[in-house]
Amino acid sequence: MTLPSATGIAGRQYTIKKFDAVGGAVTVATTSSQTIDGATTYSLASQYNSITVVSSGNNWFIIGKV
């Protein structure tokens, strides 16, 4: 799953959640060399794992995770 560009949408939030127990991890990616807390991807490996990210206008920051 690829997040939209963080540019120009400061304050926008998204929650991404892995619902199923089968298959591999859900990888959350960024565009244009943007980051999620300093990394270009974030992995949700287990069923019901989730993250909520917020745009700073330049990058994404995790503000909640389960």
C-alpha atoms as a PDB file:
ATOM      1  CA  MET A   1       0.000   0.000   0.000  1.00  0.00           C
ATOM      2  CA  THR A   2       1.512   3.330  -0.991  1.00  0.00           C
ATOM      3  CA  LEU A   3       0.668   6.517   0.849  1.00  0.00           C
ATOM      4  CA  PRO A   4      -0.054   9.592  -1.251  1.00  0.00           C
ATOM      5  CA  SER A   5       2.515  12.361  -1.338  1.00  0.00           C
ATOM      6  CA  ALA A   6       2.701  14.158   2.017  1.00  0.00           C
ATOM      7  CA  THR A   7       3.400  17.447   0.230  1.00  0.00           C
ATOM      8  CA  GLY A   8       0.604  19.978   0.588  1.00  0.00           C
ATOM      9  CA  ILE A   9      -1.563  17.868   2.923  1.00  0.00           C
ATOM     10  CA  ALA A  10      -0.116  18.684   6.346  1.00  0.00           C
ATOM     11  CA  GLY A  11      -2.305  17.273   9.094  1.00  0.00           C
ATOM     12  CA  ARG A  12      -3.941  14.593   6.911  1.00  0.00           C
ATOM     13  CA  GLN A  13      -4.134  11.249   8.706  1.00  0.00           C
ATOM     14  CA  TYR A  14      -4.474   7.669   7.485  1.00  0.00           C
ATOM     15  CA  THR A  15      -4.933   4.447   9.424  1.00  0.00           C
ATOM     16  CA  ILE A  16      -3.721   1.236   7.798  1.00  0.00           C
ATOM     17  CA  LYS A  17      -4.649  -2.129   9.310  1.00  0.00           C
ATOM     18  CA  LYS A  18      -3.833  -5.752   8.430  1.00  0.00           C
ATOM     19  CA  PHE A  19      -7.061  -7.730   8.848  1.00  0.00           C
ATOM     20  CA  ASP A  20      -6.185 -11.221   7.667  1.00  0.00           C
ATOM     21  CA  ALA A  21      -3.986 -13.905   9.192  1.00  0.00           C
ATOM     22  CA  VAL A  22      -2.895 -15.383   5.857  1.00  0.00           C
ATOM     23  CA  GLY A  23      -0.313 -14.192   3.413  1.00  0.00           C
ATOM     24  CA  GLY A  24       2.658 -12.000   4.008  1.00  0.00           C
ATOM     25  CA  ALA A  25       3.087  -8.684   5.700  1.00  0.00           C
ATOM     26  CA  VAL A  26       1.387  -5.531   4.531  1.00  0.00           C
ATOM     27  CA  THR A  27       4.072  -3.063   3.499  1.00  0.00           C
ATOM     28  CA  VAL A  28       3.223   0.618   3.754  1.00  0.00           C
ATOM     29  CA  ALA A  29       5.394   2.637   1.359  1.00  0.00           C
ATOM     30  CA  THR A  30       5.936   6.310   0.546  1.00  0.00           C
ATOM     31  CA  THR A  31       6.441   8.318  -2.634  1.00  0.00           C
ATOM     32  CA  SER A  32       9.157  10.704  -3.797  1.00  0.00           C
ATOM     33  CA  SER A  33      11.752   9.622  -1.196  1.00  0.00           C
ATOM     34  CA  GLN A  34       9.432  10.658   1.627  1.00  0.00           C
ATOM     35  CA  THR A  35       9.649   8.754   4.897  1.00  0.00           C
ATOM     36  CA  ILE A  36       7.572   7.228   7.665  1.00  0.00           C
ATOM     37  CA  ASP A  37       9.429   8.095  10.880  1.00  0.00           C
ATOM     38  CA  GLY A  38      12.675   8.186   8.873  1.00  0.00           C
ATOM     39  CA  ALA A  39      12.141   4.955   6.873  1.00  0.00           C
ATOM     40  CA  THR A  40      10.793   4.575   3.328  1.00  0.00           C
ATOM     41  CA  THR A  41       8.547   1.624   4.312  1.00  0.00           C
ATOM     42  CA  TYR A  42       6.787   0.213   7.355  1.00  0.00           C
ATOM     43  CA  SER A  43       5.695  -3.416   7.718  1.00  0.00           C
ATOM     44  CA  LEU A  44       2.533  -4.723   9.377  1.00  0.00           C
ATOM     45  CA  ALA A  45       3.373  -8.404   9.920  1.00  0.00           C
ATOM     46  CA  SER A  46       0.635  -9.768  12.186  1.00  0.00           C
ATOM     47  CA  GLN A  47      -3.140  -9.910  11.956  1.00  0.00           C
ATOM     48  CA  TYR A  48      -4.779  -6.770  13.417  1.00  0.00           C
ATOM     49  CA  ASN A  49      -1.534  -4.748  13.445  1.00  0.00           C
ATOM     50  CA  SER A  50      -2.215  -1.138  12.483  1.00  0.00           C
ATOM     51  CA  ILE A  51      -0.599   2.269  12.256  1.00  0.00           C
ATOM     52  CA  THR A  52      -1.980   5.773  12.053  1.00  0.00           C
ATOM     53  CA  VAL A  53       0.220   8.245  10.224  1.00  0.00           C
ATOM     54  CA  VAL A  54      -0.011  12.019   9.851  1.00  0.00           C
ATOM     55  CA  SER A  55       1.523  14.221   7.179  1.00  0.00           C
ATOM     56  CA  SER A  56       3.904  16.981   8.244  1.00  0.00           C
ATOM     57  CA  GLY A  57       3.631  18.484   4.767  1.00  0.00           C
ATOM     58  CA  ASN A  58       6.921  16.808   3.795  1.00  0.00           C
ATOM     59  CA  ASN A  59       6.966  13.347   5.392  1.00  0.00           C
ATOM     60  CA  TRP A  60       4.784  10.930   7.373  1.00  0.00           C
ATOM     61  CA  PHE A  61       4.933  10.380  11.128  1.00  0.00           C
ATOM     62  CA  ILE A  62       3.423   7.520  13.103  1.00  0.00           C
ATOM     63  CA  ILE A  63       1.081   8.863  15.772  1.00  0.00           C
ATOM     64  CA  GLY A  64      -0.397   5.527  16.819  1.00  0.00           C
ATOM     65  CA  LYS A  65       0.212   1.821  16.361  1.00  0.00           C
ATOM     66  CA  VAL A  66      -1.175  -1.467  17.581  1.00  0.00           C
END
